[in-house]
Protein backbone atom coordinates (compact mmCIF):
# COMPACT_ATOMS: atom_id res chain seq x y z
CA UNK A 1 13.22 9.73 -17.30
CA UNK A 2 11.35 12.48 -17.61
CA UNK A 3 7.90 10.74 -17.89
CA UNK A 4 8.36 8.63 -14.78
CA UNK A 5 9.05 11.69 -13.20
CA UNK A 6 5.53 11.37 -10.78
CA UNK A 7 6.37 7.95 -10.09
CA UNK A 8 10.42 8.86 -9.18
CA UNK A 9 9.49 11.15 -6.69
CA UNK A 10 7.21 9.06 -4.55
CA UNK A 11 10.03 6.43 -4.49
CA UNK A 12 12.08 9.66 -3.21
CA UNK A 13 9.11 10.33 -0.96
CA UNK A 14 9.45 6.72 0.74
CA UNK A 15 13.06 6.62 0.96
CA UNK A 16 13.02 9.92 2.60
CA UNK A 17 10.34 8.92 5.06
CA UNK A 18 11.87 5.92 5.82
CA UNK A 19 14.79 8.08 7.23
CA UNK A 20 12.00 10.16 8.53
CA UNK A 21 9.96 7.26 10.44
CA UNK A 22 13.03 5.78 11.97
CA UNK A 23 14.28 9.41 13.37
CA UNK A 24 10.93 9.91 14.72
CA UNK A 25 10.33 6.98 16.39
CA UNK A 26 13.69 7.36 18.64
CA UNK A 27 12.23 11.10 19.38
CA UNK A 28 8.42 10.39 20.05
CA UNK A 29 9.26 8.36 22.49
CA UNK A 30 11.34 11.12 24.48
CA UNK A 31 8.91 14.24 23.61
CA UNK A 32 5.45 12.89 22.69
CA UNK A 33 3.28 12.98 19.60
CA UNK A 34 2.10 16.38 19.99
CA UNK A 35 5.47 18.55 20.90
CA UNK A 36 6.94 16.08 17.63
CA UNK A 37 4.33 17.24 15.47
CA UNK A 38 4.95 20.86 16.20
CA UNK A 39 8.56 20.89 16.03
CA UNK A 40 9.27 19.16 13.17
CA UNK A 41 7.02 21.48 11.12
CA UNK A 42 8.78 24.17 12.42
CA UNK A 43 12.34 23.15 11.85
CA UNK A 44 11.01 21.81 8.27
CA UNK A 45 9.45 25.38 7.46
CA UNK A 46 12.97 26.81 8.58
CA UNK A 47 14.45 24.41 6.14
CA UNK A 48 12.17 25.59 3.69
CA UNK A 49 12.02 29.34 3.80
CA UNK A 50 16.03 29.21 3.44
CA UNK A 51 15.87 26.70 0.07
CA UNK A 52 13.06 29.28 -1.11
CA UNK A 53 14.98 32.38 -0.54
CA UNK A 54 17.79 31.22 -2.45
CA UNK A 55 16.37 29.21 -4.86
CA UNK A 56 12.78 30.87 -5.67
CA UNK A 57 11.28 33.97 -5.53
CA UNK A 58 11.82 34.40 -1.35
CA UNK A 59 11.28 33.58 1.98
CA UNK A 60 7.56 33.88 1.59
CA UNK A 61 5.81 31.49 -1.75
CA UNK A 62 4.32 33.22 -4.48
CA UNK A 63 1.24 31.77 -4.99
CA UNK A 64 -2.26 33.03 -6.00
CA UNK A 65 -5.10 33.60 -3.57
CA UNK A 66 -6.34 30.35 -5.37
CA UNK A 67 -3.32 28.23 -4.39
CA UNK A 68 -3.22 29.71 -0.85
CA UNK A 69 -6.51 28.90 0.13
CA UNK A 70 -6.49 24.76 -1.43
CA UNK A 71 -2.72 24.20 -0.47
CA UNK A 72 -3.26 25.53 3.33
CA UNK A 73 -6.43 23.79 3.48
CA UNK A 74 -4.62 20.58 2.41
CA UNK A 75 -1.75 21.16 5.18
CA UNK A 76 -4.54 21.40 8.01
CA UNK A 77 -6.56 18.29 6.78
CA UNK A 78 -3.39 16.66 6.18
CA UNK A 79 -1.04 17.39 8.98
CA UNK A 80 -3.47 18.56 11.64
CA UNK A 81 -6.24 16.71 11.20
CA UNK A 82 -5.20 13.54 9.64
CA UNK A 83 -2.49 13.17 12.03
CA UNK A 84 -4.26 14.00 15.15
CA UNK A 85 -6.69 10.98 14.11
CA UNK A 86 -3.97 9.05 13.58
CA UNK A 87 -2.24 9.31 16.73
CA UNK A 88 -5.54 9.20 18.93
CA UNK A 89 -5.89 5.47 17.41
CA UNK A 90 -2.34 4.97 18.16
CA UNK A 91 -3.05 5.16 21.74
CA UNK A 92 -6.31 3.16 21.61
CA UNK A 93 -5.66 0.22 19.03
CA UNK A 94 -1.35 0.69 18.69
CA UNK A 95 0.53 1.66 15.87
CA UNK A 96 0.37 -1.84 14.26
CA UNK A 97 -2.93 -1.98 13.55
CA UNK A 98 -3.08 2.04 12.98
CA UNK A 99 -0.88 1.53 9.82
CA UNK A 100 -2.07 -1.72 8.53
CA UNK A 101 -5.45 0.49 8.60
CA UNK A 102 -3.35 3.28 6.79
CA UNK A 103 -2.40 1.37 3.82
CA UNK A 104 -6.08 2.08 2.54
CA UNK A 105 -4.66 5.49 1.52
CA UNK A 106 -4.15 4.68 -1.78
CA UNK A 107 -7.23 3.62 -3.33
CA UNK A 108 -8.94 6.46 -0.85
CA UNK A 109 -6.34 8.68 -2.77
CA UNK A 110 -7.49 7.22 -6.53
CA UNK A 111 -11.01 7.56 -5.42
CA UNK A 112 -11.09 11.11 -4.05
CA UNK A 113 -8.74 12.03 -7.42
CA UNK A 114 -11.84 10.18 -9.40
CA UNK A 115 -14.53 11.91 -7.91
CA UNK A 116 -12.85 15.87 -7.91
CA UNK A 117 -10.06 15.59 -10.48
CA UNK A 118 -11.27 13.01 -12.71
CA UNK A 119 -8.16 10.90 -12.51
CA UNK A 120 -8.57 7.46 -14.18
CA UNK A 121 -6.14 4.90 -13.56
CA UNK A 122 -5.23 2.70 -16.43
CA UNK A 123 -5.77 -1.17 -16.23
CA UNK A 124 -1.86 -1.80 -15.57
CA UNK A 125 -1.64 1.04 -12.65
CA UNK A 126 -4.84 -0.53 -11.25
CA UNK A 127 -2.48 -4.37 -11.13
CA UNK A 128 0.25 -2.05 -9.74
CA UNK A 129 -1.45 -1.18 -7.30
CA UNK A 130 -2.96 -3.86 -5.86
CA UNK A 131 0.36 -6.13 -6.04
CA UNK A 132 1.87 -3.57 -3.94
CA UNK A 133 -0.59 -3.04 -1.58
CA UNK A 134 -0.56 -7.04 -1.23
CA UNK A 135 2.98 -6.74 -0.58
CA UNK A 136 2.40 -3.91 2.09
CA UNK A 137 0.02 -5.57 3.77
CA UNK A 138 2.07 -8.88 4.03
CA UNK A 139 4.77 -6.59 5.33
CA UNK A 140 2.32 -5.18 7.83
CA UNK A 141 0.50 -8.26 8.95
CA UNK A 142 3.63 -9.55 10.05
CA UNK A 143 3.60 -7.32 13.45
CA UNK A 144 -0.24 -7.48 13.98
CA UNK A 145 -1.48 -8.58 17.18
CA UNK A 146 -5.46 -8.24 17.05
CA UNK A 147 -5.85 -8.65 20.97
CA UNK A 148 -2.77 -6.76 21.82
CA UNK A 149 -2.32 -3.96 18.99
CA UNK A 150 1.31 -3.69 20.33
CA UNK A 151 -0.23 -1.95 23.66
CA UNK A 152 0.60 -4.79 25.72
CA UNK A 153 -3.23 -5.36 27.17
CA UNK A 154 -6.39 -6.68 25.24
CA UNK A 155 -7.89 -4.51 23.26
CA UNK A 156 -12.17 -4.27 24.00
CA UNK A 157 -14.80 -4.24 21.34
CA UNK A 158 -15.32 -0.48 22.15
CA UNK A 159 -11.88 0.87 21.79
CA UNK A 160 -11.00 -1.33 19.14
CA UNK A 161 -13.84 0.18 16.73
CA UNK A 162 -13.35 3.54 17.55
CA UNK A 163 -9.46 3.19 17.40
CA UNK A 164 -10.06 1.36 13.91
CA UNK A 165 -12.57 4.48 12.88
CA UNK A 166 -9.98 7.19 13.71
CA UNK A 167 -6.90 5.15 11.84
CA UNK A 168 -9.75 5.05 9.12
CA UNK A 169 -10.13 8.84 10.02
CA UNK A 170 -6.87 9.75 9.71
CA UNK A 171 -6.23 7.23 6.20
CA UNK A 172 -8.80 9.78 4.53
CA UNK A 173 -7.04 12.61 6.07
CA UNK A 174 -4.08 11.72 4.51
CA UNK A 175 -5.39 11.03 1.03
CA UNK A 176 -7.68 14.12 0.74
CA UNK A 177 -4.67 15.68 1.85
CA UNK A 178 -2.47 14.78 -0.99
CA UNK A 179 -5.61 15.40 -3.74
CA UNK A 180 -6.19 19.17 -1.90
CA UNK A 181 -2.53 19.79 -2.73
CA UNK A 182 -2.66 19.05 -6.14
CA UNK A 183 -5.82 20.49 -7.05
CA UNK A 184 -4.31 23.32 -5.27
CA UNK A 185 -0.22 23.89 -6.62
CA UNK A 186 -1.38 23.02 -10.02
CA UNK A 187 2.29 24.09 -11.67
CA UNK A 188 3.57 25.96 -8.73
CA UNK A 189 7.01 24.78 -7.13
CA UNK A 190 6.80 22.13 -5.32
CA UNK A 191 8.70 23.66 -2.54
CA UNK A 192 6.92 26.56 -2.47
CA UNK A 193 3.62 25.09 -1.92
CA UNK A 194 4.86 22.67 0.50
CA UNK A 195 6.34 25.46 2.68
CA UNK A 196 2.11 27.30 2.45
CA UNK A 197 1.11 23.36 3.46
CA UNK A 198 3.55 23.44 6.22
CA UNK A 199 2.53 27.25 7.75
CA UNK A 200 -0.56 26.19 8.17
CA UNK A 201 0.14 22.90 10.00
CA UNK A 202 2.31 25.03 11.98
CA UNK A 203 -0.97 27.41 12.77
CA UNK A 204 -3.44 24.41 12.86
CA UNK A 205 -0.99 22.44 15.75
CA UNK A 206 -0.37 25.59 17.76
CA UNK A 207 -4.15 26.14 18.05
CA UNK A 208 -4.06 22.39 19.01
CA UNK A 209 -1.48 22.48 21.94
CA UNK A 210 -2.99 26.16 23.02
CA UNK A 211 -6.26 24.13 23.45
CA UNK A 212 -4.73 20.88 25.33
CA UNK A 213 -2.31 23.10 27.50
CA UNK A 214 0.97 21.15 26.39
CA UNK A 215 3.17 24.48 26.10
CA UNK A 216 5.15 23.24 28.84
CA UNK A 217 5.68 19.52 27.31
CA UNK A 218 6.95 21.13 24.36
CA UNK A 219 9.31 23.54 26.08
CA UNK A 220 10.54 20.71 27.97
CA UNK A 221 11.07 19.10 24.24
CA UNK A 222 13.13 21.78 22.90
CA UNK A 223 15.25 21.19 26.11
CA UNK A 224 16.08 17.58 25.48
CA UNK A 225 19.54 17.68 22.66
CA UNK A 226 18.91 14.26 22.38
CA UNK A 227 15.40 14.55 21.01
CA UNK A 228 16.14 17.46 19.18
CA UNK A 229 18.89 16.17 16.98
CA UNK A 230 16.85 13.53 16.13
CA UNK A 231 13.70 15.84 15.17
CA UNK A 232 16.25 18.30 12.75
CA UNK A 233 17.33 14.93 11.10
CA UNK A 234 13.43 13.78 10.72
CA UNK A 235 12.44 17.37 9.60
CA UNK A 236 15.23 17.54 6.96
CA UNK A 237 13.97 14.42 5.19
CA UNK A 238 10.05 14.80 6.27
CA UNK A 239 8.53 17.98 5.99
CA UNK A 240 11.16 19.57 3.77
CA UNK A 241 12.43 16.76 1.58
CA UNK A 242 9.95 14.30 1.72
CA UNK A 243 6.36 16.15 1.73
CA UNK A 244 7.79 18.45 -1.16
CA UNK A 245 9.14 15.45 -3.29
CA UNK A 246 5.48 13.58 -2.09
CA UNK A 247 3.31 17.35 -3.80
CA UNK A 248 6.29 16.77 -7.03
CA UNK A 249 5.08 13.12 -7.14
CA UNK A 250 0.98 14.12 -7.39
CA UNK A 251 2.01 16.83 -9.62
CA UNK A 252 3.33 14.86 -12.42
CA UNK A 253 1.22 11.45 -11.91
CA UNK A 254 -2.08 10.20 -10.75
CA UNK A 255 -2.45 10.41 -6.96
CA UNK A 256 -3.94 6.78 -6.37
CA UNK A 257 -0.53 5.84 -7.78
CA UNK A 258 1.65 8.31 -6.05
CA UNK A 259 0.19 7.29 -2.71
CA UNK A 260 0.55 3.30 -3.65
CA UNK A 261 4.51 4.28 -3.90
CA UNK A 262 4.85 6.63 -1.51
CA UNK A 263 3.33 3.85 0.66
CA UNK A 264 6.06 1.62 0.75
CA UNK A 265 7.83 3.00 3.62
CA UNK A 266 7.40 -0.36 6.06
CA UNK A 267 8.85 -2.24 3.15
CA UNK A 268 11.79 0.06 2.96
CA UNK A 269 12.55 0.18 6.63
CA UNK A 270 13.11 -3.44 6.70
CA UNK A 271 17.02 -3.45 5.60
CA UNK A 272 17.87 -0.45 7.74
CA UNK A 273 15.97 -2.55 11.04
CA UNK A 274 18.01 -5.25 9.96
CA UNK A 275 21.32 -3.18 9.88
CA UNK A 276 20.94 -1.00 12.66
CA UNK A 277 18.32 -2.33 15.34
CA UNK A 278 19.41 -5.78 14.37
CA UNK A 279 15.83 -6.98 14.36
CA UNK A 280 14.78 -10.22 13.22
CA UNK A 281 13.16 -10.32 9.79
CA UNK A 282 10.50 -13.20 9.33
CA UNK A 283 10.41 -14.74 5.83
CA UNK A 284 6.86 -13.17 5.09
CA UNK A 285 8.12 -10.02 4.84
CA UNK A 286 10.84 -10.64 2.66
CA UNK A 287 8.21 -12.37 0.59
CA UNK A 288 6.36 -8.84 0.85
CA UNK A 289 8.76 -7.00 -0.02
CA UNK A 290 9.47 -8.91 -2.79
CA UNK A 291 5.45 -8.61 -3.89
CA UNK A 292 5.75 -4.93 -3.35
CA UNK A 293 8.78 -4.58 -5.75
CA UNK A 294 7.39 -6.50 -7.99
CA UNK A 295 4.14 -3.97 -7.97
CA UNK A 296 5.88 -1.15 -8.63
CA UNK A 297 7.83 -2.36 -11.49
CA UNK A 298 4.50 -2.75 -13.11
CA UNK A 299 3.95 1.25 -12.95
CA UNK A 300 7.20 1.25 -15.31
CA UNK A 301 6.22 -0.97 -18.18
């Protein structure tokens, strides 16, 4: 079991992010993306500070200057830049096309990990990554509408190209954030490392909201009690548990493998979508889920 700690942590991350995705979808429709991003990080930071004060060294993480630098940089690159690019892509081309492009995170993470950390995947890991990604793409492609992109309007060439580039920027940001996290945390406790990343993310989004003069929207979001309930749940399973598990994953396995398993959220969200939202699932989505599970199994052989 210990030899698969990284893979298990990555799967737990995907489970947490499935809950987070459903909670934040409900909250985001009510308060908007920028307010959601800052509030979720602040709530997650509160959870982390309390946890670290009880189980680790105190409210502030114990880390070297080297670890603070690289983890803070990973927080800015992954949380702030990555999410800003992604959410702008949502506006231009829709969430469906954007999330399909975000499926490139695992191979990008593997490439960056190879260049910067010297990580080399085995043949079986490459095969598992490929099969898993095929399954994820099958699931996502059932919701793809190139002409409308989920926005209800025909996409012109300019917005389609720009939106695709922004979504690619989001994928690079998320992948680079994972690699920078691994470089910075070394043997550090994953929950303390997550706290540093989120602290940097809070500072970054505070600057962004100030730049775009969106404090009025944020104050309005804080008064929306229903949205706050969803954001609290999503923050517990996302910035607190999910991100911490993701760092534990990259700490104990190759970045590309961890990123592949963490990308399973579109597959894992199928059962709750059926049970809670009464969504009708297409046969190709079921096939995609089965293919993904087969790819995941190869990581444990």
